[in-house]
Amino acid sequence: MDEDKLELISLKRKIKCLHRANMRVVLKRYGLYEGQPFTLIHLKKKGECTQRDLAEFLNVSSATIAVSLKRLEKSGLIKKTPDKKDLRYNNISLTEKGREIVDKCEDAFENADIHMFDGFSDEEIKNLKMYYARIIDNLEKFNFSNKGGNADD
């Protein structure tokens, strides 16, 4: 691989690390762990859903989501109510405090994402959008799962 591509890969990783570090600051401010905002945002959109629905949406095990939900419930961000049709299941929804926190997180995330492009001209933004679209297209065509874990296969 040529040096320019290696440098691009390094820059992409640095962007990802810096973005994640900024998001951790936001999460810490609101007493959240990584991954929990996705749960809260999904609940905000859906209104309520089951633990199984959340696990499927987040592509995690039921055990993993159970730990996260316990923390969120203990923090007063979500509530569980028995399903009226099947008492074996709980419906999970946001509390008022949960709605406030998710709104604040969404604002902070959006603010960070917007500032990521400060100083870019309209033309540069247009070009960057085009480059991102090409990268996405390349990744979709590549379909790593069919390559056996080796890009050279």
C-alpha atoms as a PDB file:
ATOM      1  CA  MET A   1       0.000   0.000   0.000  1.00  0.00           C
ATOM      2  CA  ASP A   2       1.369   3.440  -0.850  1.00  0.00           C
ATOM      3  CA  GLU A   3       2.281   6.036   1.776  1.00  0.00           C
ATOM      4  CA  ASP A   4      -0.641   8.349   0.990  1.00  0.00           C
ATOM      5  CA  LYS A   5      -3.186   5.598   1.635  1.00  0.00           C
ATOM      6  CA  LEU A   6      -1.415   4.603   4.851  1.00  0.00           C
ATOM      7  CA  GLU A   7      -1.498   8.222   5.987  1.00  0.00           C
ATOM      8  CA  LEU A   8      -5.226   8.444   5.184  1.00  0.00           C
ATOM      9  CA  ILE A   9      -5.863   5.317   7.246  1.00  0.00           C
ATOM     10  CA  SER A  10      -3.911   6.831  10.125  1.00  0.00           C
ATOM     11  CA  LEU A  11      -5.861  10.089   9.862  1.00  0.00           C
ATOM     12  CA  LYS A  12      -9.187   8.204   9.792  1.00  0.00           C
ATOM     13  CA  ARG A  13      -8.201   6.370  12.970  1.00  0.00           C
ATOM     14  CA  LYS A  14      -7.171   9.623  14.653  1.00  0.00           C
ATOM     15  CA  ILE A  15     -10.516  11.232  13.736  1.00  0.00           C
ATOM     16  CA  LYS A  16     -12.350   8.230  15.165  1.00  0.00           C
ATOM     17  CA  CYS A  17     -10.318   8.334  18.400  1.00  0.00           C
ATOM     18  CA  LEU A  18     -10.794  12.089  18.862  1.00  0.00           C
ATOM     19  CA  HIS A  19     -14.522  11.840  18.149  1.00  0.00           C
ATOM     20  CA  ARG A  20     -14.890   8.966  20.617  1.00  0.00           C
ATOM     21  CA  ALA A  21     -12.896  10.884  23.273  1.00  0.00           C
ATOM     22  CA  ASN A  22     -15.208  13.889  22.877  1.00  0.00           C
ATOM     23  CA  MET A  23     -18.263  11.659  23.121  1.00  0.00           C
ATOM     24  CA  ARG A  24     -16.912  10.097  26.323  1.00  0.00           C
ATOM     25  CA  VAL A  25     -16.765  13.572  27.876  1.00  0.00           C
ATOM     26  CA  VAL A  26     -20.445  14.057  27.025  1.00  0.00           C
ATOM     27  CA  LEU A  27     -21.355  10.603  28.351  1.00  0.00           C
ATOM     28  CA  LYS A  28     -19.469  11.177  31.590  1.00  0.00           C
ATOM     29  CA  ARG A  29     -21.250  14.513  32.053  1.00  0.00           C
ATOM     30  CA  TYR A  30     -24.587  12.670  32.039  1.00  0.00           C
ATOM     31  CA  GLY A  31     -23.453   9.527  33.869  1.00  0.00           C
ATOM     32  CA  LEU A  32     -23.764   7.299  30.807  1.00  0.00           C
ATOM     33  CA  TYR A  33     -21.664   4.494  29.435  1.00  0.00           C
ATOM     34  CA  GLU A  34     -20.705   3.967  25.812  1.00  0.00           C
ATOM     35  CA  GLY A  35     -23.590   2.437  23.898  1.00  0.00           C
ATOM     36  CA  GLN A  36     -26.290   3.638  26.273  1.00  0.00           C
ATOM     37  CA  PRO A  37     -27.206   6.724  24.237  1.00  0.00           C
ATOM     38  CA  PHE A  38     -28.195   4.448  21.337  1.00  0.00           C
ATOM     39  CA  THR A  39     -30.613   2.673  23.681  1.00  0.00           C
ATOM     40  CA  LEU A  40     -32.062   5.944  24.908  1.00  0.00           C
ATOM     41  CA  ILE A  41     -32.371   7.403  21.409  1.00  0.00           C
ATOM     42  CA  HIS A  42     -34.097   4.240  20.173  1.00  0.00           C
ATOM     43  CA  LEU A  43     -36.546   4.397  23.075  1.00  0.00           C
ATOM     44  CA  LYS A  44     -37.212   8.048  22.322  1.00  0.00           C
ATOM     45  CA  LYS A  45     -38.103   7.147  18.727  1.00  0.00           C
ATOM     46  CA  LYS A  46     -40.146   4.033  19.558  1.00  0.00           C
ATOM     47  CA  GLY A  47     -41.853   5.200  22.744  1.00  0.00           C
ATOM     48  CA  GLU A  48     -41.435   1.782  24.310  1.00  0.00           C
ATOM     49  CA  CYS A  49     -40.172  -1.653  23.385  1.00  0.00           C
ATOM     50  CA  THR A  50     -39.130  -4.946  24.920  1.00  0.00           C
ATOM     51  CA  GLN A  51     -35.660  -5.976  26.014  1.00  0.00           C
ATOM     52  CA  ARG A  52     -35.543  -8.405  23.092  1.00  0.00           C
ATOM     53  CA  ASP A  53     -36.416  -5.619  20.633  1.00  0.00           C
ATOM     54  CA  LEU A  54     -33.623  -3.468  22.039  1.00  0.00           C
ATOM     55  CA  ALA A  55     -31.091  -6.306  21.901  1.00  0.00           C
ATOM     56  CA  GLU A  56     -31.992  -7.008  18.265  1.00  0.00           C
ATOM     57  CA  PHE A  57     -31.852  -3.331  17.308  1.00  0.00           C
ATOM     58  CA  LEU A  58     -28.454  -2.849  18.984  1.00  0.00           C
ATOM     59  CA  ASN A  59     -27.192  -6.212  17.747  1.00  0.00           C
ATOM     60  CA  VAL A  60     -26.182  -7.362  21.234  1.00  0.00           C
ATOM     61  CA  SER A  61     -27.096 -10.302  23.436  1.00  0.00           C
ATOM     62  CA  SER A  62     -30.007 -10.184  25.866  1.00  0.00           C
ATOM     63  CA  ALA A  63     -27.506 -10.476  28.723  1.00  0.00           C
ATOM     64  CA  THR A  64     -25.566  -7.450  27.485  1.00  0.00           C
ATOM     65  CA  ILE A  65     -28.657  -5.286  27.171  1.00  0.00           C
ATOM     66  CA  ALA A  66     -29.904  -6.488  30.575  1.00  0.00           C
ATOM     67  CA  VAL A  67     -26.815  -5.057  32.301  1.00  0.00           C
ATOM     68  CA  SER A  68     -27.197  -1.744  30.496  1.00  0.00           C
ATOM     69  CA  LEU A  69     -30.920  -1.544  31.250  1.00  0.00           C
ATOM     70  CA  LYS A  70     -30.296  -2.221  34.944  1.00  0.00           C
ATOM     71  CA  ARG A  71     -27.881   0.718  35.057  1.00  0.00           C
ATOM     72  CA  LEU A  72     -30.292   2.963  33.161  1.00  0.00           C
ATOM     73  CA  GLU A  73     -33.170   1.982  35.440  1.00  0.00           C
ATOM     74  CA  LYS A  74     -31.063   2.539  38.566  1.00  0.00           C
ATOM     75  CA  SER A  75     -30.158   5.996  37.212  1.00  0.00           C
ATOM     76  CA  GLY A  76     -33.844   6.763  36.772  1.00  0.00           C
ATOM     77  CA  LEU A  77     -33.605   7.126  32.977  1.00  0.00           C
ATOM     78  CA  ILE A  78     -35.886   4.240  31.997  1.00  0.00           C
ATOM     79  CA  LYS A  79     -38.794   2.380  33.505  1.00  0.00           C
ATOM     80  CA  LYS A  80     -40.061  -1.130  32.995  1.00  0.00           C
ATOM     81  CA  THR A  81     -43.740  -1.954  32.965  1.00  0.00           C
ATOM     82  CA  PRO A  82     -45.234  -5.434  32.570  1.00  0.00           C
ATOM     83  CA  ASP A  83     -46.623  -6.156  29.118  1.00  0.00           C
ATOM     84  CA  LYS A  84     -50.418  -6.297  29.282  1.00  0.00           C
ATOM     85  CA  LYS A  85     -50.619  -9.183  26.810  1.00  0.00           C
ATOM     86  CA  ASP A  86     -47.780 -11.287  28.217  1.00  0.00           C
ATOM     87  CA  LEU A  87     -46.626 -10.720  31.796  1.00  0.00           C
ATOM     88  CA  ARG A  88     -43.356 -12.549  31.111  1.00  0.00           C
ATOM     89  CA  TYR A  89     -42.167  -9.455  29.237  1.00  0.00           C
ATOM     90  CA  ASN A  90     -41.528  -5.887  30.295  1.00  0.00           C
ATOM     91  CA  ASN A  91     -42.028  -2.856  28.130  1.00  0.00           C
ATOM     92  CA  ILE A  92     -39.192  -0.397  28.499  1.00  0.00           C
ATOM     93  CA  SER A  93     -39.664   3.341  28.109  1.00  0.00           C
ATOM     94  CA  LEU A  94     -37.943   6.581  29.008  1.00  0.00           C
ATOM     95  CA  THR A  95     -38.703   8.458  32.181  1.00  0.00           C
ATOM     96  CA  GLU A  96     -38.963  12.243  32.129  1.00  0.00           C
ATOM     97  CA  LYS A  97     -35.356  12.377  33.337  1.00  0.00           C
ATOM     98  CA  GLY A  98     -34.395   9.974  30.529  1.00  0.00           C
ATOM     99  CA  ARG A  99     -36.053  12.214  27.927  1.00  0.00           C
ATOM    100  CA  GLU A 100     -34.158  15.234  29.253  1.00  0.00           C
ATOM    101  CA  ILE A 101     -30.826  13.381  29.173  1.00  0.00           C
ATOM    102  CA  VAL A 102     -31.348  11.969  25.678  1.00  0.00           C
ATOM    103  CA  ASP A 103     -32.231  15.434  24.363  1.00  0.00           C
ATOM    104  CA  LYS A 104     -29.083  16.897  25.931  1.00  0.00           C
ATOM    105  CA  CYS A 105     -26.938  14.069  24.529  1.00  0.00           C
ATOM    106  CA  GLU A 106     -28.390  14.465  21.039  1.00  0.00           C
ATOM    107  CA  ASP A 107     -27.683  18.209  21.156  1.00  0.00           C
ATOM    108  CA  ALA A 108     -24.099  17.625  22.334  1.00  0.00           C
ATOM    109  CA  PHE A 109     -23.468  14.930  19.696  1.00  0.00           C
ATOM    110  CA  GLU A 110     -24.883  17.133  16.942  1.00  0.00           C
ATOM    111  CA  ASN A 111     -22.800  20.073  18.157  1.00  0.00           C
ATOM    112  CA  ALA A 112     -19.612  17.980  18.083  1.00  0.00           C
ATOM    113  CA  ASP A 113     -20.424  16.657  14.623  1.00  0.00           C
ATOM    114  CA  ILE A 114     -21.129  20.137  13.272  1.00  0.00           C
ATOM    115  CA  HIS A 115     -17.904  21.566  14.712  1.00  0.00           C
ATOM    116  CA  MET A 116     -15.943  18.761  13.117  1.00  0.00           C
ATOM    117  CA  PHE A 117     -16.394  20.595   9.811  1.00  0.00           C
ATOM    118  CA  ASP A 118     -15.605  24.139  11.009  1.00  0.00           C
ATOM    119  CA  GLY A 119     -13.518  26.091   8.521  1.00  0.00           C
ATOM    120  CA  PHE A 120     -14.490  23.963   5.518  1.00  0.00           C
ATOM    121  CA  SER A 121     -15.751  25.852   2.475  1.00  0.00           C
ATOM    122  CA  ASP A 122     -18.990  24.861   0.771  1.00  0.00           C
ATOM    123  CA  GLU A 123     -16.931  23.358  -2.051  1.00  0.00           C
ATOM    124  CA  GLU A 124     -14.832  21.306   0.387  1.00  0.00           C
ATOM    125  CA  ILE A 125     -17.987  20.029   2.114  1.00  0.00           C
ATOM    126  CA  LYS A 126     -19.447  19.086  -1.273  1.00  0.00           C
ATOM    127  CA  ASN A 127     -16.256  17.211  -2.205  1.00  0.00           C
ATOM    128  CA  LEU A 128     -16.068  15.508   1.185  1.00  0.00           C
ATOM    129  CA  LYS A 129     -19.663  14.291   0.821  1.00  0.00           C
ATOM    130  CA  MET A 130     -18.753  12.853  -2.557  1.00  0.00           C
ATOM    131  CA  TYR A 131     -15.652  11.137  -1.118  1.00  0.00           C
ATOM    132  CA  TYR A 132     -17.629   9.700   1.813  1.00  0.00           C
ATOM    133  CA  ALA A 133     -20.235   8.357  -0.623  1.00  0.00           C
ATOM    134  CA  ARG A 134     -17.478   6.661  -2.650  1.00  0.00           C
ATOM    135  CA  ILE A 135     -15.938   5.157   0.485  1.00  0.00           C
ATOM    136  CA  ILE A 136     -19.340   3.811   1.546  1.00  0.00           C
ATOM    137  CA  ASP A 137     -19.901   2.403  -1.933  1.00  0.00           C
ATOM    138  CA  ASN A 138     -16.475   0.711  -1.880  1.00  0.00           C
ATOM    139  CA  LEU A 139     -17.160  -0.833   1.520  1.00  0.00           C
ATOM    140  CA  GLU A 140     -20.590  -2.057   0.444  1.00  0.00           C
ATOM    141  CA  LYS A 141     -19.131  -3.651  -2.679  1.00  0.00           C
ATOM    142  CA  PHE A 142     -16.228  -5.204  -0.787  1.00  0.00           C
ATOM    143  CA  ASN A 143     -18.496  -7.074   1.672  1.00  0.00           C
ATOM    144  CA  PHE A 144     -15.749  -8.141   4.060  1.00  0.00           C
ATOM    145  CA  SER A 145     -17.822 -11.001   5.452  1.00  0.00           C
ATOM    146  CA  ASN A 146     -17.544 -12.825   2.123  1.00  0.00           C
ATOM    147  CA  LYS A 147     -13.780 -12.327   1.943  1.00  0.00           C
ATOM    148  CA  GLY A 148     -12.913 -14.706   4.787  1.00  0.00           C
ATOM    149  CA  GLY A 149     -11.303 -11.970   6.860  1.00  0.00           C
ATOM    150  CA  ASN A 150      -8.515 -11.376   4.355  1.00  0.00           C
ATOM    151  CA  ALA A 151      -8.767  -8.475   1.944  1.00  0.00           C
ATOM    152  CA  ASP A 152      -6.594 -10.359  -0.544  1.00  0.00           C
ATOM    153  CA  ASP A 153      -8.891 -13.410  -0.807  1.00  0.00           C
END
